[in-house]
């Protein structure tokens, strides 16, 4: 059964926690993880790129020279793509890049990402992930103690104190146990989770 270290807010190890085999102990499926990360990045694309075709560029209504007898190639408009200031061939237009994956695929990818983190020893469980006040320095000190430069910090519910303390730290993402992102987990170095949030993850995704 996979295990993770248990620490307190001082960063001191106070024990070990056994992790659920069904969530943290499966054989990671890299293909599925890749598919879900690709889907996440596609869904994040704004798709607002736009350029003008020859039909949309202003001007070019007159034929630049007569059809025959000049010795030059025939031209019908100065806004054709081969002209300076002409339109763009197959111009990109605003579009939606998002697409939907099956729920089972996303769940398998999440378990695979968590299992990979467990196998590499990058899961840190905190007995009570909380701060007395909004203090970036305190959060940074805790993360440095547990060796987390890039980390995803998971709380059982929305914790404004933790969120505001961590939001100015580069590479640190905060989330809750029920809305985990495979991309955030894969992108992070450490998976730091509150003990109560760990119970929620195992209950929801087992």
N, C-alpha and C. Protein backbone atom coordinates (compact mmCIF):
# COMPACT_ATOMS: atom_id res chain seq x y z
N UNK A 1 0.85 -1.20 0.00
CA UNK A 1 0.00 0.00 0.00
C UNK A 1 0.88 1.25 0.00
N UNK A 2 0.59 2.23 -0.90
CA UNK A 2 1.42 3.45 -0.95
C UNK A 2 1.30 4.28 0.33
N UNK A 3 2.38 4.96 0.66
CA UNK A 3 2.41 5.80 1.86
C UNK A 3 2.93 7.19 1.53
N UNK A 4 2.59 8.14 2.40
CA UNK A 4 3.09 9.51 2.26
C UNK A 4 3.47 10.02 3.64
N UNK A 5 4.40 10.98 3.67
CA UNK A 5 4.81 11.52 4.97
C UNK A 5 3.73 12.47 5.50
N UNK A 6 3.60 12.51 6.81
CA UNK A 6 2.67 13.42 7.48
C UNK A 6 3.48 14.48 8.20
N UNK A 7 3.20 15.75 7.91
CA UNK A 7 3.95 16.85 8.54
C UNK A 7 2.97 17.80 9.22
N UNK A 8 3.53 18.65 10.10
CA UNK A 8 2.73 19.72 10.69
C UNK A 8 3.06 21.04 9.97
N UNK A 9 2.45 22.13 10.38
CA UNK A 9 2.65 23.41 9.70
C UNK A 9 4.05 23.97 9.90
N UNK A 10 4.81 23.37 10.83
CA UNK A 10 6.21 23.78 10.98
C UNK A 10 7.09 23.06 9.97
N UNK A 11 6.51 22.10 9.23
CA UNK A 11 7.27 21.34 8.24
C UNK A 11 7.96 20.13 8.81
N UNK A 12 7.70 19.82 10.09
CA UNK A 12 8.34 18.69 10.75
C UNK A 12 7.54 17.41 10.51
N UNK A 13 8.23 16.34 10.15
CA UNK A 13 7.54 15.07 9.92
C UNK A 13 7.07 14.49 11.26
N UNK A 14 5.78 14.16 11.32
CA UNK A 14 5.21 13.64 12.57
C UNK A 14 4.67 12.22 12.39
N UNK A 15 4.86 11.67 11.19
CA UNK A 15 4.38 10.30 10.97
C UNK A 15 4.23 9.99 9.49
N UNK A 16 3.49 8.90 9.25
CA UNK A 16 3.20 8.48 7.88
C UNK A 16 1.71 8.21 7.73
N UNK A 17 1.24 8.34 6.50
CA UNK A 17 -0.18 8.10 6.21
C UNK A 17 -0.27 7.07 5.10
N UNK A 18 -1.14 6.07 5.31
CA UNK A 18 -1.38 5.08 4.25
C UNK A 18 -2.39 5.65 3.26
N UNK A 19 -2.06 5.54 1.99
CA UNK A 19 -2.91 6.07 0.93
C UNK A 19 -3.77 4.97 0.32
N UNK A 20 -4.91 5.35 -0.20
CA UNK A 20 -5.83 4.38 -0.82
C UNK A 20 -5.20 3.75 -2.06
N UNK A 21 -5.23 2.43 -2.11
CA UNK A 21 -4.67 1.69 -3.25
C UNK A 21 -5.44 2.01 -4.54
N UNK A 22 -6.74 2.24 -4.41
CA UNK A 22 -7.60 2.47 -5.58
C UNK A 22 -7.33 3.82 -6.23
N UNK A 23 -6.85 4.78 -5.45
CA UNK A 23 -6.62 6.13 -5.99
C UNK A 23 -5.13 6.40 -6.22
N UNK A 24 -4.29 5.97 -5.30
CA UNK A 24 -2.87 6.33 -5.33
C UNK A 24 -1.97 5.14 -5.67
N UNK A 25 -2.56 3.97 -5.95
CA UNK A 25 -1.72 2.79 -6.16
C UNK A 25 -1.91 2.09 -7.48
N UNK A 26 -2.51 2.75 -8.48
CA UNK A 26 -2.73 2.08 -9.77
C UNK A 26 -1.50 2.27 -10.67
N UNK A 27 -1.46 1.51 -11.75
CA UNK A 27 -0.39 1.65 -12.73
C UNK A 27 -0.71 2.88 -13.59
N UNK A 28 0.13 3.93 -13.55
CA UNK A 28 -0.19 5.15 -14.30
C UNK A 28 -0.32 4.90 -15.80
N UNK A 29 -1.37 5.46 -16.38
CA UNK A 29 -1.61 5.35 -17.83
C UNK A 29 -1.19 6.68 -18.47
N UNK A 30 0.01 6.70 -19.04
CA UNK A 30 0.57 7.94 -19.57
C UNK A 30 -0.22 8.46 -20.78
N UNK A 31 -0.76 7.55 -21.57
CA UNK A 31 -1.52 7.96 -22.75
C UNK A 31 -2.75 8.76 -22.36
N UNK A 32 -3.46 8.27 -21.34
CA UNK A 32 -4.68 8.94 -20.88
C UNK A 32 -4.34 10.29 -20.25
N UNK A 33 -3.26 10.33 -19.47
CA UNK A 33 -2.83 11.59 -18.85
C UNK A 33 -2.51 12.62 -19.94
N UNK A 34 -1.81 12.17 -20.99
CA UNK A 34 -1.48 13.07 -22.11
C UNK A 34 -2.75 13.61 -22.76
N UNK A 35 -3.74 12.74 -22.96
CA UNK A 35 -5.00 13.16 -23.59
C UNK A 35 -5.71 14.23 -22.76
N UNK A 36 -5.73 14.04 -21.44
CA UNK A 36 -6.43 14.98 -20.56
C UNK A 36 -5.69 16.31 -20.48
N UNK A 37 -4.36 16.27 -20.42
CA UNK A 37 -3.58 17.52 -20.39
C UNK A 37 -3.77 18.29 -21.71
N UNK A 38 -3.76 17.56 -22.82
CA UNK A 38 -3.98 18.18 -24.13
C UNK A 38 -5.38 18.81 -24.20
N UNK A 39 -6.37 18.10 -23.65
CA UNK A 39 -7.73 18.62 -23.61
C UNK A 39 -7.82 19.89 -22.77
N UNK A 40 -7.12 19.89 -21.61
CA UNK A 40 -7.11 21.07 -20.73
C UNK A 40 -6.53 22.28 -21.46
N UNK A 41 -5.40 22.08 -22.13
CA UNK A 41 -4.74 23.19 -22.83
C UNK A 41 -5.59 23.68 -24.00
N UNK A 42 -6.27 22.76 -24.68
CA UNK A 42 -7.15 23.16 -25.79
C UNK A 42 -8.33 23.97 -25.26
N UNK A 43 -8.88 23.56 -24.13
CA UNK A 43 -10.02 24.27 -23.55
C UNK A 43 -9.63 25.65 -23.03
N UNK A 44 -8.34 25.83 -22.74
CA UNK A 44 -7.86 27.13 -22.26
C UNK A 44 -7.63 28.13 -23.40
N UNK A 45 -7.56 27.63 -24.63
CA UNK A 45 -7.27 28.53 -25.76
C UNK A 45 -8.42 29.50 -25.99
N UNK A 46 -8.07 30.76 -26.20
CA UNK A 46 -9.10 31.78 -26.42
C UNK A 46 -9.70 31.68 -27.81
N UNK A 47 -8.87 31.33 -28.80
CA UNK A 47 -9.38 31.20 -30.15
C UNK A 47 -9.87 32.52 -30.74
N UNK A 48 -9.24 33.63 -30.37
CA UNK A 48 -9.71 34.95 -30.84
C UNK A 48 -8.87 35.48 -32.01
N UNK A 49 -7.98 34.63 -32.57
CA UNK A 49 -7.15 35.10 -33.69
C UNK A 49 -8.03 35.40 -34.90
N UNK A 50 -7.66 36.44 -35.66
CA UNK A 50 -8.46 36.81 -36.82
C UNK A 50 -7.62 37.62 -37.80
N UNK A 51 -7.74 37.29 -39.06
CA UNK A 51 -7.07 38.06 -40.12
C UNK A 51 -8.06 38.27 -41.27
N UNK A 52 -7.72 39.20 -42.18
CA UNK A 52 -8.65 39.55 -43.26
C UNK A 52 -8.35 38.75 -44.52
N UNK A 53 -9.39 38.23 -45.15
CA UNK A 53 -9.25 37.59 -46.45
C UNK A 53 -9.27 38.68 -47.53
N UNK A 54 -9.06 38.28 -48.79
CA UNK A 54 -9.04 39.28 -49.87
C UNK A 54 -10.41 39.94 -50.03
N UNK A 55 -11.46 39.26 -49.58
CA UNK A 55 -12.79 39.83 -49.68
C UNK A 55 -13.03 40.92 -48.64
N UNK A 56 -12.22 40.89 -47.55
CA UNK A 56 -12.45 41.81 -46.44
C UNK A 56 -11.47 42.99 -46.38
N UNK A 57 -10.36 42.91 -47.14
CA UNK A 57 -9.39 44.01 -47.14
C UNK A 57 -9.98 45.17 -47.94
N UNK A 58 -9.84 46.40 -47.43
CA UNK A 58 -10.41 47.55 -48.14
C UNK A 58 -9.57 47.88 -49.37
N UNK A 59 -10.22 48.39 -50.42
CA UNK A 59 -9.53 48.77 -51.64
C UNK A 59 -9.52 47.64 -52.67
N UNK A 60 -8.76 47.87 -53.73
CA UNK A 60 -8.58 46.82 -54.73
C UNK A 60 -9.74 46.63 -55.67
N UNK A 61 -10.62 47.60 -55.75
CA UNK A 61 -11.79 47.41 -56.59
C UNK A 61 -11.49 47.55 -58.08
N UNK A 62 -10.43 48.28 -58.40
CA UNK A 62 -10.12 48.53 -59.81
C UNK A 62 -9.05 47.56 -60.30
N UNK A 63 -9.16 47.16 -61.56
CA UNK A 63 -8.15 46.29 -62.16
C UNK A 63 -6.87 47.11 -62.35
N UNK A 64 -5.70 46.65 -61.82
CA UNK A 64 -4.49 47.49 -61.84
C UNK A 64 -4.00 47.85 -63.24
N UNK A 65 -4.11 46.98 -64.21
CA UNK A 65 -3.79 47.28 -65.61
C UNK A 65 -4.62 46.37 -66.51
N UNK A 66 -4.63 46.71 -67.78
CA UNK A 66 -5.50 45.96 -68.68
C UNK A 66 -5.06 44.50 -68.80
N UNK A 67 -5.96 43.67 -69.24
CA UNK A 67 -5.73 42.24 -69.26
C UNK A 67 -4.58 41.84 -70.18
N UNK A 68 -4.54 42.42 -71.37
CA UNK A 68 -3.57 41.95 -72.36
C UNK A 68 -2.72 43.11 -72.90
N UNK A 69 -1.54 42.74 -73.38
CA UNK A 69 -0.73 43.70 -74.13
C UNK A 69 0.33 44.42 -73.33
N UNK A 70 0.38 44.24 -72.02
CA UNK A 70 1.39 44.96 -71.22
C UNK A 70 2.66 44.15 -71.04
N UNK A 71 2.59 42.85 -71.27
CA UNK A 71 3.76 41.99 -71.03
C UNK A 71 3.86 41.51 -69.59
N UNK A 72 3.00 42.03 -68.74
CA UNK A 72 2.99 41.60 -67.33
C UNK A 72 1.92 40.54 -67.10
N UNK A 73 2.02 39.87 -65.96
CA UNK A 73 1.02 38.85 -65.63
C UNK A 73 -0.33 39.51 -65.40
N UNK A 74 -1.39 38.82 -65.76
CA UNK A 74 -2.73 39.38 -65.61
C UNK A 74 -3.07 39.50 -64.12
N UNK A 75 -3.67 40.62 -63.76
CA UNK A 75 -4.05 40.88 -62.38
C UNK A 75 -5.47 41.46 -62.36
N UNK A 76 -6.25 41.04 -61.37
CA UNK A 76 -7.62 41.55 -61.28
C UNK A 76 -7.82 42.50 -60.11
N UNK A 77 -6.89 42.45 -59.12
CA UNK A 77 -7.07 43.28 -57.92
C UNK A 77 -5.73 43.44 -57.22
N UNK A 78 -5.53 44.60 -56.60
CA UNK A 78 -4.29 44.81 -55.82
C UNK A 78 -4.44 44.26 -54.40
N UNK A 79 -5.56 43.60 -54.13
CA UNK A 79 -5.76 43.02 -52.80
C UNK A 79 -5.70 41.49 -52.83
N UNK A 80 -5.21 40.94 -53.95
CA UNK A 80 -4.98 39.50 -54.03
C UNK A 80 -3.82 39.13 -53.09
N UNK A 81 -3.73 37.89 -52.61
CA UNK A 81 -2.74 37.53 -51.59
C UNK A 81 -1.29 37.79 -51.97
N UNK A 82 -0.96 37.74 -53.27
CA UNK A 82 0.45 37.93 -53.65
C UNK A 82 0.88 39.40 -53.64
N UNK A 83 -0.06 40.32 -53.45
CA UNK A 83 0.25 41.75 -53.41
C UNK A 83 0.51 42.19 -51.97
N UNK A 84 1.42 43.22 -51.84
CA UNK A 84 1.58 43.88 -50.55
C UNK A 84 0.24 44.53 -50.18
N UNK A 85 -0.14 44.41 -48.94
CA UNK A 85 -1.43 44.88 -48.43
C UNK A 85 -2.61 44.04 -48.93
N UNK A 86 -2.30 42.89 -49.54
CA UNK A 86 -3.37 42.01 -49.99
C UNK A 86 -3.94 41.20 -48.82
N UNK A 87 -5.00 40.45 -49.11
CA UNK A 87 -5.62 39.62 -48.08
C UNK A 87 -4.79 38.39 -47.77
N UNK A 88 -5.17 37.68 -46.70
CA UNK A 88 -4.48 36.47 -46.27
C UNK A 88 -5.20 35.24 -46.85
N UNK A 89 -4.40 34.30 -47.38
CA UNK A 89 -5.00 33.06 -47.88
C UNK A 89 -5.42 32.20 -46.68
N UNK A 90 -6.64 31.68 -46.70
CA UNK A 90 -7.15 30.85 -45.60
C UNK A 90 -6.94 31.55 -44.24
N UNK A 91 -7.35 32.80 -44.16
CA UNK A 91 -7.12 33.62 -42.96
C UNK A 91 -7.72 32.95 -41.72
N UNK A 92 -6.99 32.93 -40.59
CA UNK A 92 -7.56 32.37 -39.36
C UNK A 92 -8.72 33.22 -38.87
N UNK A 93 -9.74 32.56 -38.38
CA UNK A 93 -10.92 33.25 -37.88
C UNK A 93 -11.23 32.76 -36.46
N UNK A 94 -11.94 33.56 -35.66
CA UNK A 94 -12.27 33.11 -34.30
C UNK A 94 -12.96 31.75 -34.31
N UNK A 95 -12.52 30.86 -33.43
CA UNK A 95 -13.09 29.52 -33.36
C UNK A 95 -12.96 28.97 -31.95
N UNK A 96 -13.72 27.96 -31.66
CA UNK A 96 -13.71 27.33 -30.34
C UNK A 96 -12.89 26.05 -30.42
N UNK A 97 -11.81 25.98 -29.65
CA UNK A 97 -10.94 24.81 -29.67
C UNK A 97 -11.35 23.73 -28.67
N UNK A 98 -12.29 24.03 -27.81
CA UNK A 98 -12.63 23.10 -26.72
C UNK A 98 -13.34 21.86 -27.24
N UNK A 99 -13.13 20.76 -26.52
CA UNK A 99 -13.84 19.51 -26.81
C UNK A 99 -14.01 18.74 -25.52
N UNK A 100 -14.86 17.74 -25.54
CA UNK A 100 -15.24 17.03 -24.32
C UNK A 100 -14.62 15.64 -24.30
N UNK A 101 -14.10 15.24 -23.14
CA UNK A 101 -13.60 13.88 -22.94
C UNK A 101 -14.58 13.10 -22.07
N UNK A 102 -14.52 11.78 -22.18
CA UNK A 102 -15.37 10.93 -21.34
C UNK A 102 -14.99 11.08 -19.86
N UNK A 103 -15.98 10.98 -19.01
CA UNK A 103 -15.76 11.12 -17.57
C UNK A 103 -14.80 10.03 -17.05
N UNK A 104 -14.94 8.81 -17.59
CA UNK A 104 -14.08 7.71 -17.14
C UNK A 104 -12.62 7.95 -17.51
N UNK A 105 -12.40 8.58 -18.66
CA UNK A 105 -11.04 8.89 -19.10
C UNK A 105 -10.41 9.92 -18.16
N UNK A 106 -11.19 10.95 -17.81
CA UNK A 106 -10.67 12.00 -16.91
C UNK A 106 -10.38 11.44 -15.52
N UNK A 107 -11.24 10.54 -15.06
CA UNK A 107 -11.04 9.94 -13.73
C UNK A 107 -9.79 9.05 -13.71
N UNK A 108 -9.61 8.27 -14.78
CA UNK A 108 -8.42 7.41 -14.87
C UNK A 108 -7.15 8.25 -14.92
N UNK A 109 -7.20 9.37 -15.65
CA UNK A 109 -6.04 10.26 -15.75
C UNK A 109 -5.69 10.86 -14.38
N UNK A 110 -6.73 11.24 -13.62
CA UNK A 110 -6.49 11.82 -12.30
C UNK A 110 -5.84 10.79 -11.37
N UNK A 111 -6.37 9.57 -11.39
CA UNK A 111 -5.78 8.51 -10.56
C UNK A 111 -4.35 8.21 -10.99
N UNK A 112 -4.11 8.24 -12.29
CA UNK A 112 -2.76 7.98 -12.81
C UNK A 112 -1.78 9.06 -12.35
N UNK A 113 -2.22 10.32 -12.40
CA UNK A 113 -1.36 11.43 -11.97
C UNK A 113 -1.05 11.34 -10.48
N UNK A 114 -2.09 11.03 -9.69
CA UNK A 114 -1.90 10.90 -8.24
C UNK A 114 -1.01 9.70 -7.90
N UNK A 115 -1.20 8.60 -8.62
CA UNK A 115 -0.39 7.40 -8.38
C UNK A 115 1.07 7.64 -8.73
N UNK A 116 1.31 8.40 -9.81
CA UNK A 116 2.69 8.72 -10.19
C UNK A 116 3.35 9.59 -9.12
N UNK A 117 2.59 10.54 -8.56
CA UNK A 117 3.13 11.38 -7.49
C UNK A 117 3.43 10.54 -6.24
N UNK A 118 2.54 9.60 -5.94
CA UNK A 118 2.75 8.73 -4.77
C UNK A 118 3.98 7.85 -4.97
N UNK A 119 4.14 7.32 -6.18
CA UNK A 119 5.27 6.43 -6.47
C UNK A 119 6.61 7.15 -6.38
N UNK A 120 6.61 8.44 -6.73
CA UNK A 120 7.86 9.22 -6.70
C UNK A 120 8.10 9.88 -5.34
N UNK A 121 7.17 9.68 -4.40
CA UNK A 121 7.34 10.23 -3.05
C UNK A 121 7.13 11.73 -2.98
N UNK A 122 6.31 12.27 -3.89
CA UNK A 122 6.10 13.72 -3.93
C UNK A 122 4.77 14.16 -3.33
N UNK A 123 4.14 13.28 -2.54
CA UNK A 123 2.91 13.65 -1.84
C UNK A 123 3.25 13.96 -0.38
N UNK A 124 2.82 15.13 0.07
CA UNK A 124 3.04 15.55 1.46
C UNK A 124 1.67 15.81 2.09
N UNK A 125 1.38 15.09 3.17
CA UNK A 125 0.10 15.27 3.88
C UNK A 125 0.34 16.15 5.10
N UNK A 126 -0.51 17.15 5.25
CA UNK A 126 -0.38 18.08 6.39
C UNK A 126 -1.51 17.79 7.37
N UNK A 127 -1.16 17.65 8.66
CA UNK A 127 -2.19 17.27 9.64
C UNK A 127 -3.29 18.32 9.75
N UNK A 128 -2.92 19.61 9.61
CA UNK A 128 -3.94 20.66 9.60
C UNK A 128 -3.38 21.84 8.81
N UNK A 129 -3.78 21.94 7.55
CA UNK A 129 -3.26 22.99 6.66
C UNK A 129 -4.04 24.27 6.88
N UNK A 130 -3.52 25.12 7.77
CA UNK A 130 -4.22 26.36 8.10
C UNK A 130 -3.23 27.40 8.59
N UNK A 131 -3.57 28.66 8.40
CA UNK A 131 -2.75 29.77 8.87
C UNK A 131 -3.60 30.70 9.71
N UNK A 132 -2.98 31.32 10.72
CA UNK A 132 -3.72 32.22 11.61
C UNK A 132 -4.11 33.51 10.90
N UNK A 133 -3.27 33.95 9.94
CA UNK A 133 -3.54 35.18 9.21
C UNK A 133 -2.99 35.06 7.80
N UNK A 134 -3.42 35.97 6.93
CA UNK A 134 -2.91 35.99 5.56
C UNK A 134 -1.47 36.46 5.59
N UNK A 135 -0.54 35.54 5.32
CA UNK A 135 0.87 35.86 5.41
C UNK A 135 1.64 35.04 4.38
N UNK A 136 2.05 35.70 3.30
CA UNK A 136 2.79 35.00 2.24
C UNK A 136 4.10 34.43 2.77
N UNK A 137 4.74 35.17 3.67
CA UNK A 137 6.04 34.74 4.20
C UNK A 137 5.89 33.42 4.97
N UNK A 138 4.80 33.29 5.73
CA UNK A 138 4.58 32.06 6.50
C UNK A 138 4.34 30.87 5.57
N UNK A 139 3.56 31.10 4.51
CA UNK A 139 3.29 30.03 3.54
C UNK A 139 4.56 29.65 2.80
N UNK A 140 5.32 30.65 2.40
CA UNK A 140 6.58 30.40 1.69
C UNK A 140 7.55 29.62 2.57
N UNK A 141 7.60 29.97 3.86
CA UNK A 141 8.47 29.26 4.79
C UNK A 141 8.09 27.80 4.93
N UNK A 142 6.79 27.54 5.00
CA UNK A 142 6.32 26.15 5.10
C UNK A 142 6.67 25.35 3.85
N UNK A 143 6.44 25.95 2.68
CA UNK A 143 6.74 25.25 1.42
C UNK A 143 8.23 24.99 1.26
N UNK A 144 9.05 25.95 1.67
CA UNK A 144 10.50 25.75 1.60
C UNK A 144 10.96 24.62 2.52
N UNK A 145 10.30 24.52 3.68
CA UNK A 145 10.67 23.48 4.65
C UNK A 145 10.40 22.08 4.11
N UNK A 146 9.28 21.94 3.38
CA UNK A 146 8.94 20.61 2.83
C UNK A 146 9.53 20.41 1.43
N UNK A 147 10.34 21.37 0.97
CA UNK A 147 11.03 21.24 -0.31
C UNK A 147 10.13 21.36 -1.52
N UNK A 148 9.18 22.29 -1.47
CA UNK A 148 8.24 22.46 -2.57
C UNK A 148 8.46 23.79 -3.27
N UNK A 149 9.12 23.76 -4.43
CA UNK A 149 9.27 24.98 -5.23
C UNK A 149 8.05 25.20 -6.10
N UNK A 150 7.63 24.14 -6.80
CA UNK A 150 6.38 24.17 -7.56
C UNK A 150 5.44 23.18 -6.88
N UNK A 151 4.27 23.64 -6.50
CA UNK A 151 3.38 22.77 -5.74
C UNK A 151 1.92 23.07 -6.00
N UNK A 152 1.09 22.04 -5.83
CA UNK A 152 -0.36 22.24 -5.81
C UNK A 152 -0.80 21.96 -4.37
N UNK A 153 -1.48 22.93 -3.78
CA UNK A 153 -1.88 22.86 -2.36
C UNK A 153 -3.39 22.60 -2.32
N UNK A 154 -3.78 21.51 -1.66
CA UNK A 154 -5.18 21.08 -1.67
C UNK A 154 -5.79 21.19 -0.28
N UNK A 155 -6.90 21.91 -0.18
CA UNK A 155 -7.64 22.04 1.09
C UNK A 155 -9.00 21.36 0.94
N UNK A 156 -9.63 20.95 2.05
CA UNK A 156 -10.93 20.29 1.95
C UNK A 156 -12.03 21.21 1.41
N UNK A 157 -12.03 22.46 1.86
CA UNK A 157 -12.99 23.46 1.38
C UNK A 157 -12.21 24.71 1.00
N UNK A 158 -12.89 25.69 0.44
CA UNK A 158 -12.24 26.96 0.09
C UNK A 158 -11.72 27.62 1.36
N UNK A 159 -10.42 27.84 1.42
CA UNK A 159 -9.78 28.45 2.58
C UNK A 159 -9.13 29.76 2.13
N UNK A 160 -9.82 30.87 2.39
CA UNK A 160 -9.35 32.18 1.91
C UNK A 160 -7.96 32.53 2.44
N UNK A 161 -7.67 32.16 3.68
CA UNK A 161 -6.37 32.49 4.27
C UNK A 161 -5.24 31.80 3.52
N UNK A 162 -5.43 30.51 3.21
CA UNK A 162 -4.40 29.75 2.48
C UNK A 162 -4.29 30.27 1.05
N UNK A 163 -5.44 30.52 0.41
CA UNK A 163 -5.44 30.98 -0.98
C UNK A 163 -4.70 32.32 -1.11
N UNK A 164 -5.04 33.26 -0.24
CA UNK A 164 -4.43 34.59 -0.32
C UNK A 164 -2.95 34.57 0.08
N UNK A 165 -2.59 33.65 0.96
CA UNK A 165 -1.19 33.55 1.38
C UNK A 165 -0.31 32.94 0.29
N UNK A 166 -0.92 32.11 -0.58
CA UNK A 166 -0.13 31.39 -1.59
C UNK A 166 -0.20 32.00 -2.97
N UNK A 167 -1.14 32.92 -3.21
CA UNK A 167 -1.38 33.35 -4.59
C UNK A 167 -0.25 34.18 -5.19
N UNK A 168 0.60 34.78 -4.36
CA UNK A 168 1.71 35.57 -4.89
C UNK A 168 3.01 34.77 -5.01
N UNK A 169 2.96 33.48 -4.68
CA UNK A 169 4.16 32.65 -4.75
C UNK A 169 4.21 32.00 -6.14
N UNK A 170 5.25 32.28 -6.93
CA UNK A 170 5.33 31.70 -8.28
C UNK A 170 5.36 30.17 -8.23
N UNK A 171 4.59 29.55 -9.10
CA UNK A 171 4.61 28.09 -9.21
C UNK A 171 3.72 27.36 -8.22
N UNK A 172 2.98 28.10 -7.38
CA UNK A 172 2.12 27.47 -6.38
C UNK A 172 0.66 27.68 -6.77
N UNK A 173 -0.10 26.58 -6.79
CA UNK A 173 -1.51 26.61 -7.15
C UNK A 173 -2.31 26.05 -5.98
N UNK A 174 -3.42 26.71 -5.63
CA UNK A 174 -4.29 26.20 -4.57
C UNK A 174 -5.60 25.72 -5.19
N UNK A 175 -6.15 24.66 -4.61
CA UNK A 175 -7.42 24.12 -5.09
C UNK A 175 -8.10 23.36 -3.95
N UNK A 176 -9.31 22.88 -4.20
CA UNK A 176 -10.01 22.08 -3.19
C UNK A 176 -10.05 20.62 -3.65
N UNK A 177 -10.40 19.74 -2.72
CA UNK A 177 -10.30 18.29 -2.97
C UNK A 177 -11.22 17.81 -4.08
N UNK A 178 -12.34 18.50 -4.30
CA UNK A 178 -13.33 18.01 -5.26
C UNK A 178 -13.12 18.52 -6.68
N UNK A 179 -12.22 19.47 -6.87
CA UNK A 179 -12.00 20.01 -8.22
C UNK A 179 -10.51 19.95 -8.59
N UNK A 180 -9.94 18.78 -8.45
CA UNK A 180 -8.52 18.60 -8.79
C UNK A 180 -8.33 18.64 -10.30
N UNK A 181 -7.22 19.23 -10.73
CA UNK A 181 -6.89 19.31 -12.15
C UNK A 181 -5.67 18.44 -12.42
N UNK A 182 -5.80 17.56 -13.41
CA UNK A 182 -4.68 16.69 -13.80
C UNK A 182 -3.50 17.53 -14.26
N UNK A 183 -3.78 18.61 -15.00
CA UNK A 183 -2.71 19.48 -15.48
C UNK A 183 -1.92 20.07 -14.31
N UNK A 184 -2.63 20.57 -13.29
CA UNK A 184 -1.95 21.17 -12.13
C UNK A 184 -1.09 20.14 -11.40
N UNK A 185 -1.60 18.91 -11.28
CA UNK A 185 -0.85 17.86 -10.57
C UNK A 185 0.41 17.50 -11.34
N UNK A 186 0.25 17.31 -12.66
CA UNK A 186 1.41 16.94 -13.50
C UNK A 186 2.44 18.07 -13.53
N UNK A 187 1.96 19.31 -13.56
CA UNK A 187 2.84 20.47 -13.67
C UNK A 187 3.57 20.78 -12.36
N UNK A 188 3.02 20.32 -11.24
CA UNK A 188 3.61 20.64 -9.93
C UNK A 188 4.70 19.64 -9.55
N UNK A 189 5.61 20.11 -8.71
CA UNK A 189 6.64 19.22 -8.19
C UNK A 189 6.11 18.42 -7.02
N UNK A 190 5.40 19.08 -6.10
CA UNK A 190 4.87 18.43 -4.90
C UNK A 190 3.35 18.55 -4.86
N UNK A 191 2.73 17.51 -4.32
CA UNK A 191 1.28 17.50 -4.11
C UNK A 191 1.07 17.60 -2.60
N UNK A 192 0.72 18.80 -2.13
CA UNK A 192 0.58 19.05 -0.69
C UNK A 192 -0.90 19.06 -0.35
N UNK A 193 -1.32 18.17 0.52
CA UNK A 193 -2.75 17.99 0.77
C UNK A 193 -3.05 17.96 2.27
N UNK A 194 -4.10 18.63 2.65
CA UNK A 194 -4.59 18.58 4.03
C UNK A 194 -5.10 17.16 4.32
N UNK A 195 -4.92 16.70 5.53
CA UNK A 195 -5.35 15.34 5.88
C UNK A 195 -6.86 15.16 5.67
N UNK A 196 -7.63 16.20 5.97
CA UNK A 196 -9.08 16.13 5.77
C UNK A 196 -9.41 16.09 4.28
N UNK A 197 -8.64 16.84 3.48
CA UNK A 197 -8.85 16.85 2.03
C UNK A 197 -8.49 15.49 1.43
N UNK A 198 -7.48 14.85 1.99
CA UNK A 198 -7.08 13.51 1.52
C UNK A 198 -8.24 12.53 1.69
N UNK A 199 -8.94 12.62 2.81
CA UNK A 199 -10.09 11.74 3.07
C UNK A 199 -11.19 11.99 2.04
N UNK A 200 -11.38 13.27 1.68
CA UNK A 200 -12.40 13.61 0.68
C UNK A 200 -12.01 13.04 -0.69
N UNK A 201 -10.74 13.18 -1.06
CA UNK A 201 -10.26 12.66 -2.35
C UNK A 201 -10.48 11.16 -2.44
N UNK A 202 -10.11 10.45 -1.37
CA UNK A 202 -10.26 8.99 -1.38
C UNK A 202 -11.73 8.57 -1.40
N UNK A 203 -12.57 9.36 -0.77
CA UNK A 203 -14.01 9.05 -0.75
C UNK A 203 -14.65 9.31 -2.12
N UNK A 204 -14.26 10.41 -2.76
CA UNK A 204 -14.88 10.80 -4.03
C UNK A 204 -14.37 9.96 -5.20
N UNK A 205 -13.05 9.69 -5.25
CA UNK A 205 -12.47 9.08 -6.44
C UNK A 205 -12.14 7.60 -6.31
N UNK A 206 -12.31 7.00 -5.15
CA UNK A 206 -11.99 5.58 -4.97
C UNK A 206 -12.91 4.70 -5.81
